PDB file of N, CA and C in Angstrom:
ATOM      1  N   MET A   1       0.795  -1.264   0.063  1.00  0.00           N
ATOM      2  CA  MET A   1      -0.048  -0.051  -0.032  1.00  0.00           C
ATOM      3  C   MET A   1       1.081   1.206   0.057  1.00  0.00           C
ATOM      4  N   SER A   2       0.678   2.157  -0.934  1.00  0.00           N
ATOM      5  CA  SER A   2       1.543   3.145  -0.807  1.00  0.00           C
ATOM      6  C   SER A   2       0.930   4.658  -0.390  1.00  0.00           C
ATOM      7  N   LYS A   3      -0.428   4.680  -0.204  1.00  0.00           N
ATOM      8  CA  LYS A   3      -1.109   5.658   0.566  1.00  0.00           C
ATOM      9  C   LYS A   3      -1.705   5.198   1.801  1.00  0.00           C
ATOM     10  N   SER A   4      -2.111   6.268   2.869  1.00  0.00           N
ATOM     11  CA  SER A   4      -2.754   5.705   3.887  1.00  0.00           C
ATOM     12  C   SER A   4      -4.294   5.721   3.340  1.00  0.00           C
ATOM     13  N   ILE A   5      -4.959   4.932   4.249  1.00  0.00           N
ATOM     14  CA  ILE A   5      -6.493   4.841   3.865  1.00  0.00           C
ATOM     15  C   ILE A   5      -7.236   5.527   5.241  1.00  0.00           C
ATOM     16  N   PHE A   6      -8.197   6.313   5.059  1.00  0.00           N
ATOM     17  CA  PHE A   6      -8.912   6.794   6.189  1.00  0.00           C
ATOM     18  C   PHE A   6     -10.405   6.317   5.969  1.00  0.00           C
ATOM     19  N   TYR A   7     -10.860   5.632   6.862  1.00  0.00           N
ATOM     20  CA  TYR A   7     -12.017   4.963   7.032  1.00  0.00           C
ATOM     21  C   TYR A   7     -12.946   5.797   7.972  1.00  0.00           C
ATOM     22  N   HIS A   8     -14.239   6.031   7.656  1.00  0.00           N
ATOM     23  CA  HIS A   8     -15.207   6.772   8.558  1.00  0.00           C
ATOM     24  C   HIS A   8     -16.469   6.369   8.190  1.00  0.00           C
ATOM     25  N   ALA A   9     -17.488   6.937   8.937  1.00  0.00           N
ATOM     26  CA  ALA A   9     -18.821   6.736   8.831  1.00  0.00           C
ATOM     27  C   ALA A   9     -19.933   7.900   8.494  1.00  0.00           C
ATOM     28  N   GLY A  10     -19.302   8.977   8.339  1.00  0.00           N
ATOM     29  CA  GLY A  10     -19.802  10.282   7.795  1.00  0.00           C
ATOM     30  C   GLY A  10     -20.286  10.854   8.949  1.00  0.00           C
ATOM     31  N   CYS A  11     -20.299  10.543  10.316  1.00  0.00           N
ATOM     32  CA  CYS A  11     -20.731  11.243  11.230  1.00  0.00           C
ATOM     33  C   CYS A  11     -19.982  12.367  11.512  1.00  0.00           C
ATOM     34  N   PRO A  12     -20.377  13.548  12.296  1.00  0.00           N
ATOM     35  CA  PRO A  12     -19.568  14.775  12.513  1.00  0.00           C
ATOM     36  C   PRO A  12     -18.148  14.531  12.904  1.00  0.00           C
ATOM     37  N   VAL A  13     -18.028  13.754  13.835  1.00  0.00           N
ATOM     38  CA  VAL A  13     -16.648  13.357  14.378  1.00  0.00           C
ATOM     39  C   VAL A  13     -15.908  12.809  13.348  1.00  0.00           C
ATOM     40  N   CYS A  14     -16.219  11.835  12.441  1.00  0.00           N
ATOM     41  CA  CYS A  14     -15.634  11.565  11.491  1.00  0.00           C
ATOM     42  C   CYS A  14     -15.214  12.544  10.393  1.00  0.00           C
ATOM     43  N   VAL A  15     -16.107  13.249   9.942  1.00  0.00           N
ATOM     44  CA  VAL A  15     -15.871  14.450   8.921  1.00  0.00           C
ATOM     45  C   VAL A  15     -14.873  15.516   9.377  1.00  0.00           C
ATOM     46  N   SER A  16     -15.150  15.885  10.751  1.00  0.00           N
ATOM     47  CA  SER A  16     -13.781  16.758  11.332  1.00  0.00           C
ATOM     48  C   SER A  16     -12.589  16.099  11.320  1.00  0.00           C
ATOM     49  N   ALA A  17     -12.415  14.753  11.575  1.00  0.00           N
ATOM     50  CA  ALA A  17     -11.313  13.917  11.473  1.00  0.00           C
ATOM     51  C   ALA A  17     -10.724  14.086  10.094  1.00  0.00           C
ATOM     52  N   GLU A  18     -11.536  13.861   9.058  1.00  0.00           N
ATOM     53  CA  GLU A  18     -11.265  13.626   7.861  1.00  0.00           C
ATOM     54  C   GLU A  18     -10.564  14.931   7.222  1.00  0.00           C
ATOM     55  N   HIS A  19     -11.026  16.009   7.650  1.00  0.00           N
ATOM     56  CA  HIS A  19     -10.551  17.298   7.166  1.00  0.00           C
ATOM     57  C   HIS A  19      -9.056  17.449   7.928  1.00  0.00           C
ATOM     58  N   ASP A  20      -8.964  17.231   8.914  1.00  0.00           N
ATOM     59  CA  ASP A  20      -7.629  17.396   9.877  1.00  0.00           C
ATOM     60  C   ASP A  20      -6.719  16.410   9.125  1.00  0.00           C
ATOM     61  N   ILE A  21      -7.112  15.116   8.803  1.00  0.00           N
ATOM     62  CA  ILE A  21      -5.983  14.374   8.243  1.00  0.00           C
ATOM     63  C   ILE A  21      -5.830  14.639   6.742  1.00  0.00           C
ATOM     64  N   VAL A  22      -6.505  15.264   6.194  1.00  0.00           N
ATOM     65  CA  VAL A  22      -6.308  15.820   4.712  1.00  0.00           C
ATOM     66  C   VAL A  22      -5.161  17.150   4.955  1.00  0.00           C
ATOM     67  N   ASN A  23      -5.614  17.813   5.812  1.00  0.00           N
ATOM     68  CA  ASN A  23      -4.855  18.879   6.065  1.00  0.00           C
ATOM     69  C   ASN A  23      -3.190  18.408   6.613  1.00  0.00           C
ATOM     70  N   LEU A  24      -3.159  17.554   7.339  1.00  0.00           N
ATOM     71  CA  LEU A  24      -1.941  17.205   7.803  1.00  0.00           C
ATOM     72  C   LEU A  24      -1.280  16.441   6.762  1.00  0.00           C
ATOM     73  N   ILE A  25      -1.751  15.432   6.005  1.00  0.00           N
ATOM     74  CA  ILE A  25      -0.735  14.713   5.247  1.00  0.00           C
ATOM     75  C   ILE A  25      -1.035  14.856   3.722  1.00  0.00           C
ATOM     76  N   GLY A  26      -2.048  15.588   3.392  1.00  0.00           N
ATOM     77  CA  GLY A  26      -2.554  16.119   1.875  1.00  0.00           C
ATOM     78  C   GLY A  26      -3.281  14.875   1.433  1.00  0.00           C
ATOM     79  N   GLN A  27      -4.348  15.570   0.503  1.00  0.00           N
ATOM     80  CA  GLN A  27      -5.268  14.914  -0.130  1.00  0.00           C
ATOM     81  C   GLN A  27      -4.654  13.896  -1.220  1.00  0.00           C
ATOM     82  N   ASP A  28      -3.352  13.900  -1.554  1.00  0.00           N
ATOM     83  CA  ASP A  28      -2.804  12.892  -2.666  1.00  0.00           C
ATOM     84  C   ASP A  28      -2.324  11.741  -1.829  1.00  0.00           C
ATOM     85  N   GLN A  29      -2.408  11.566  -0.496  1.00  0.00           N
ATOM     86  CA  GLN A  29      -1.279  10.953   0.240  1.00  0.00           C
ATOM     87  C   GLN A  29      -2.614   9.868   1.005  1.00  0.00           C
ATOM     88  N   VAL A  30      -3.828  10.049   0.809  1.00  0.00           N
ATOM     89  CA  VAL A  30      -4.739   9.343   1.696  1.00  0.00           C
ATOM     90  C   VAL A  30      -6.041   9.124   0.664  1.00  0.00           C
ATOM     91  N   ASP A  31      -6.330   7.811   0.710  1.00  0.00           N
ATOM     92  CA  ASP A  31      -7.860   7.451   0.152  1.00  0.00           C
ATOM     93  C   ASP A  31      -8.772   7.615   1.344  1.00  0.00           C
ATOM     94  N   ILE A  32      -9.892   8.301   0.977  1.00  0.00           N
ATOM     95  CA  ILE A  32     -11.005   8.596   1.957  1.00  0.00           C
ATOM     96  C   ILE A  32     -11.926   7.531   1.481  1.00  0.00           C
ATOM     97  N   VAL A  33     -12.319   6.389   2.469  1.00  0.00           N
ATOM     98  CA  VAL A  33     -13.492   5.725   2.488  1.00  0.00           C
ATOM     99  C   VAL A  33     -14.553   5.838   3.505  1.00  0.00           C
ATOM    100  N   ASN A  34     -15.709   6.438   3.099  1.00  0.00           N
ATOM    101  CA  ASN A  34     -16.819   6.510   4.013  1.00  0.00           C
ATOM    102  C   ASN A  34     -17.624   5.203   3.914  1.00  0.00           C
ATOM    103  N   ILE A  35     -17.346   4.320   5.047  1.00  0.00           N
ATOM    104  CA  ILE A  35     -18.043   2.994   4.885  1.00  0.00           C
ATOM    105  C   ILE A  35     -19.502   3.038   5.373  1.00  0.00           C
ATOM    106  N   GLY A  36     -20.183   4.244   5.673  1.00  0.00           N
ATOM    107  CA  GLY A  36     -21.473   4.363   6.012  1.00  0.00           C
ATOM    108  C   GLY A  36     -22.255   4.631   4.459  1.00  0.00           C
ATOM    109  N   GLU A  37     -21.423   5.155   3.465  1.00  0.00           N
ATOM    110  CA  GLU A  37     -21.835   5.264   2.183  1.00  0.00           C
ATOM    111  C   GLU A  37     -21.587   3.876   1.260  1.00  0.00           C
ATOM    112  N   ASP A  38     -20.310   3.575   1.388  1.00  0.00           N
ATOM    113  CA  ASP A  38     -19.841   2.334   0.616  1.00  0.00           C
ATOM    114  C   ASP A  38     -19.559   1.047   1.539  1.00  0.00           C
ATOM    115  N   ARG A  39     -20.543   0.528   2.017  1.00  0.00           N
ATOM    116  CA  ARG A  39     -20.711  -0.633   2.743  1.00  0.00           C
ATOM    117  C   ARG A  39     -20.047  -1.954   2.401  1.00  0.00           C
ATOM    118  N   SER A  40     -19.665  -2.023   1.113  1.00  0.00           N
ATOM    119  CA  SER A  40     -18.881  -3.036   0.593  1.00  0.00           C
ATOM    120  C   SER A  40     -17.560  -3.143   1.072  1.00  0.00           C
ATOM    121  N   ARG A  41     -17.111  -2.116   1.723  1.00  0.00           N
ATOM    122  CA  ARG A  41     -15.567  -1.782   2.141  1.00  0.00           C
ATOM    123  C   ARG A  41     -15.589  -2.202   3.562  1.00  0.00           C
ATOM    124  N   ILE A  42     -16.561  -2.553   4.328  1.00  0.00           N
ATOM    125  CA  ILE A  42     -16.494  -2.820   5.463  1.00  0.00           C
ATOM    126  C   ILE A  42     -15.773  -3.910   5.991  1.00  0.00           C
ATOM    127  N   GLY A  43     -15.712  -5.097   5.157  1.00  0.00           N
ATOM    128  CA  GLY A  43     -14.784  -6.063   5.467  1.00  0.00           C
ATOM    129  C   GLY A  43     -13.663  -5.988   5.097  1.00  0.00           C
ATOM    130  N   GLU A  44     -13.112  -5.092   4.132  1.00  0.00           N
ATOM    131  CA  GLU A  44     -11.685  -4.471   4.139  1.00  0.00           C
ATOM    132  C   GLU A  44     -11.195  -3.763   5.386  1.00  0.00           C
ATOM    133  N   ALA A  45     -12.023  -2.983   5.800  1.00  0.00           N
ATOM    134  CA  ALA A  45     -11.603  -2.222   7.239  1.00  0.00           C
ATOM    135  C   ALA A  45     -11.395  -3.335   8.287  1.00  0.00           C
ATOM    136  N   GLU A  46     -12.276  -4.166   8.537  1.00  0.00           N
ATOM    137  CA  GLU A  46     -12.270  -5.261   9.598  1.00  0.00           C
ATOM    138  C   GLU A  46     -11.029  -6.124   9.402  1.00  0.00           C
ATOM    139  N   ALA A  47     -10.593  -6.419   8.112  1.00  0.00           N
ATOM    140  CA  ALA A  47      -9.374  -7.028   7.648  1.00  0.00           C
ATOM    141  C   ALA A  47      -7.949  -6.245   7.991  1.00  0.00           C
ATOM    142  N   ALA A  48      -8.351  -5.154   8.059  1.00  0.00           N
ATOM    143  CA  ALA A  48      -6.990  -4.245   8.350  1.00  0.00           C
ATOM    144  C   ALA A  48      -6.918  -3.907   9.869  1.00  0.00           C
ATOM    145  N   GLY A  49      -7.872  -4.468  10.593  1.00  0.00           N
ATOM    146  CA  GLY A  49      -7.922  -4.530  12.278  1.00  0.00           C
ATOM    147  C   GLY A  49      -8.689  -3.174  12.887  1.00  0.00           C
ATOM    148  N   ILE A  50      -9.314  -2.536  11.839  1.00  0.00           N
ATOM    149  CA  ILE A  50     -10.230  -1.566  12.215  1.00  0.00           C
ATOM    150  C   ILE A  50     -11.427  -1.681  13.141  1.00  0.00           C
ATOM    151  N   THR A  51     -11.656  -1.352  14.433  1.00  0.00           N
ATOM    152  CA  THR A  51     -12.460  -1.590  15.288  1.00  0.00           C
ATOM    153  C   THR A  51     -13.559  -0.612  15.718  1.00  0.00           C
ATOM    154  N   SER A  52     -13.266   0.621  15.346  1.00  0.00           N
ATOM    155  CA  SER A  52     -13.909   1.958  15.103  1.00  0.00           C
ATOM    156  C   SER A  52     -13.627   2.969  14.347  1.00  0.00           C
ATOM    157  N   VAL A  53     -14.355   3.783  13.985  1.00  0.00           N
ATOM    158  CA  VAL A  53     -14.120   4.900  12.981  1.00  0.00           C
ATOM    159  C   VAL A  53     -14.408   6.042  13.699  1.00  0.00           C
ATOM    160  N   PRO A  54     -13.551   7.212  13.409  1.00  0.00           N
ATOM    161  CA  PRO A  54     -12.680   7.465  12.223  1.00  0.00           C
ATOM    162  C   PRO A  54     -11.402   6.493  12.392  1.00  0.00           C
ATOM    163  N   ALA A  55     -10.720   6.018  11.512  1.00  0.00           N
ATOM    164  CA  ALA A  55      -9.398   5.403  11.530  1.00  0.00           C
ATOM    165  C   ALA A  55      -8.452   5.557  10.739  1.00  0.00           C
ATOM    166  N   LEU A  56      -7.380   5.421  10.515  1.00  0.00           N
ATOM    167  CA  LEU A  56      -6.338   5.682   9.551  1.00  0.00           C
ATOM    168  C   LEU A  56      -5.327   4.481   9.590  1.00  0.00           C
ATOM    169  N   VAL A  57      -5.286   3.905   8.320  1.00  0.00           N
ATOM    170  CA  VAL A  57      -4.460   2.850   8.070  1.00  0.00           C
ATOM    171  C   VAL A  57      -3.250   3.332   7.233  1.00  0.00           C
ATOM    172  N   THR A  58      -2.025   3.338   8.158  1.00  0.00           N
ATOM    173  CA  THR A  58      -0.943   3.785   7.416  1.00  0.00           C
ATOM    174  C   THR A  58      -0.452   2.897   6.144  1.00  0.00           C
ATOM    175  N   PRO A  59       0.433   3.440   5.365  1.00  0.00           N
ATOM    176  CA  PRO A  59       0.921   2.664   4.241  1.00  0.00           C
ATOM    177  C   PRO A  59       1.836   1.418   4.812  1.00  0.00           C
ATOM    178  N   ASN A  60       2.401   1.351   5.840  1.00  0.00           N
ATOM    179  CA  ASN A  60       2.753  -0.062   6.351  1.00  0.00           C
ATOM    180  C   ASN A  60       1.959  -0.965   7.168  1.00  0.00           C
ATOM    181  N   GLY A  61       0.846  -0.417   7.222  1.00  0.00           N
ATOM    182  CA  GLY A  61      -0.495  -1.290   7.943  1.00  0.00           C
ATOM    183  C   GLY A  61      -0.752  -1.039   9.253  1.00  0.00           C
ATOM    184  N   ASN A  62      -0.210  -0.052   9.947  1.00  0.00           N
ATOM    185  CA  ASN A  62      -0.679   0.214  11.261  1.00  0.00           C
ATOM    186  C   ASN A  62      -1.981   0.844  11.243  1.00  0.00           C
ATOM    187  N   VAL A  63      -2.803   0.566  12.271  1.00  0.00           N
ATOM    188  CA  VAL A  63      -3.848   1.102  12.393  1.00  0.00           C
ATOM    189  C   VAL A  63      -4.097   2.176  13.542  1.00  0.00           C
ATOM    190  N   LEU A  64      -4.273   3.441  13.241  1.00  0.00           N
ATOM    191  CA  LEU A  64      -4.562   4.470  14.121  1.00  0.00           C
ATOM    192  C   LEU A  64      -6.055   4.854  14.431  1.00  0.00           C
ATOM    193  N   HIS A  65      -6.647   4.521  15.532  1.00  0.00           N
ATOM    194  CA  HIS A  65      -7.932   4.932  15.694  1.00  0.00           C
ATOM    195  C   HIS A  65      -7.957   6.163  16.398  1.00  0.00           C
ATOM    196  N   ILE A  66      -8.764   7.210  15.608  1.00  0.00           N
ATOM    197  CA  ILE A  66      -8.619   8.663  16.024  1.00  0.00           C
ATOM    198  C   ILE A  66      -9.889   8.789  16.745  1.00  0.00           C
ATOM    199  N   ASN A  67      -9.853   9.476  17.765  1.00  0.00           N
ATOM    200  CA  ASN A  67     -11.276   9.810  18.632  1.00  0.00           C
ATOM    201  C   ASN A  67     -12.012   8.662  18.681  1.00  0.00           C
ATOM    202  N   PHE A  68     -13.430   8.960  18.688  1.00  0.00           N
ATOM    203  CA  PHE A  68     -14.307   7.667  18.426  1.00  0.00           C
ATOM    204  C   PHE A  68     -15.845   8.327  18.064  1.00  0.00           C
ATOM    205  N   GLY A  69     -16.123   7.905  16.805  1.00  0.00           N
ATOM    206  CA  GLY A  69     -17.303   8.091  16.319  1.00  0.00           C
ATOM    207  C   GLY A  69     -18.370   7.244  16.521  1.00  0.00           C
ATOM    208  N   ALA A  70     -17.731   5.791  15.936  1.00  0.00           N
ATOM    209  CA  ALA A  70     -18.681   4.682  16.268  1.00  0.00           C
ATOM    210  C   ALA A  70     -18.067   3.440  15.978  1.00  0.00           C
ATOM    211  N   SER A  71     -18.326   2.253  16.640  1.00  0.00           N
ATOM    212  CA  SER A  71     -17.609   1.262  16.344  1.00  0.00           C
ATOM    213  C   SER A  71     -18.188   0.513  15.134  1.00  0.00           C
ATOM    214  N   LEU A  72     -17.204  -0.257  14.666  1.00  0.00           N
ATOM    215  CA  LEU A  72     -17.604  -1.077  13.473  1.00  0.00           C
ATOM    216  C   LEU A  72     -18.731  -1.613  13.579  1.00  0.00           C
ATOM    217  N   ALA A  73     -18.945  -2.323  14.542  1.00  0.00           N
ATOM    218  CA  ALA A  73     -20.082  -3.318  14.802  1.00  0.00           C
ATOM    219  C   ALA A  73     -21.496  -2.499  14.547  1.00  0.00           C
ATOM    220  N   ASP A  74     -21.490  -1.347  15.261  1.00  0.00           N
ATOM    221  CA  ASP A  74     -22.756  -0.194  15.034  1.00  0.00           C
ATOM    222  C   ASP A  74     -22.956   0.206  13.598  1.00  0.00           C
ATOM    223  N   VAL A  75     -21.591   0.288  12.959  1.00  0.00           N
ATOM    224  CA  VAL A  75     -21.851   0.613  11.431  1.00  0.00           C
ATOM    225  C   VAL A  75     -22.366  -0.401  10.609  1.00  0.00           C
ATOM    226  N   LYS A  76     -21.835  -1.546  11.076  1.00  0.00           N
ATOM    227  CA  LYS A  76     -22.410  -2.703  10.367  1.00  0.00           C
ATOM    228  C   LYS A  76     -23.942  -3.046  10.691  1.00  0.00           C
ATOM    229  N   GLY A  77     -24.436  -2.591  11.765  1.00  0.00           N
ATOM    230  CA  GLY A  77     -25.901  -2.635  12.065  1.00  0.00           C
ATOM    231  C   GLY A  77     -26.147  -4.087  12.533  1.00  0.00           C
TER     232      GLY A  77
END
């Protein structure tokens, strides 16, 4: 993976964190995934080790859980 991936669910906490991440590392260095809208990527997030959103997966695979918007279980419904 060459870019970070930022997963979120579209809640206000997540959107605020998205703006901060983009400002910190740059739009071209991060893929933004709203799993609230693109539910097909929930399995990908789980496989990466994400347990809550917002979360950032770094290019070397580290998962950084940022603040707390929602658990992945809540997002899955």
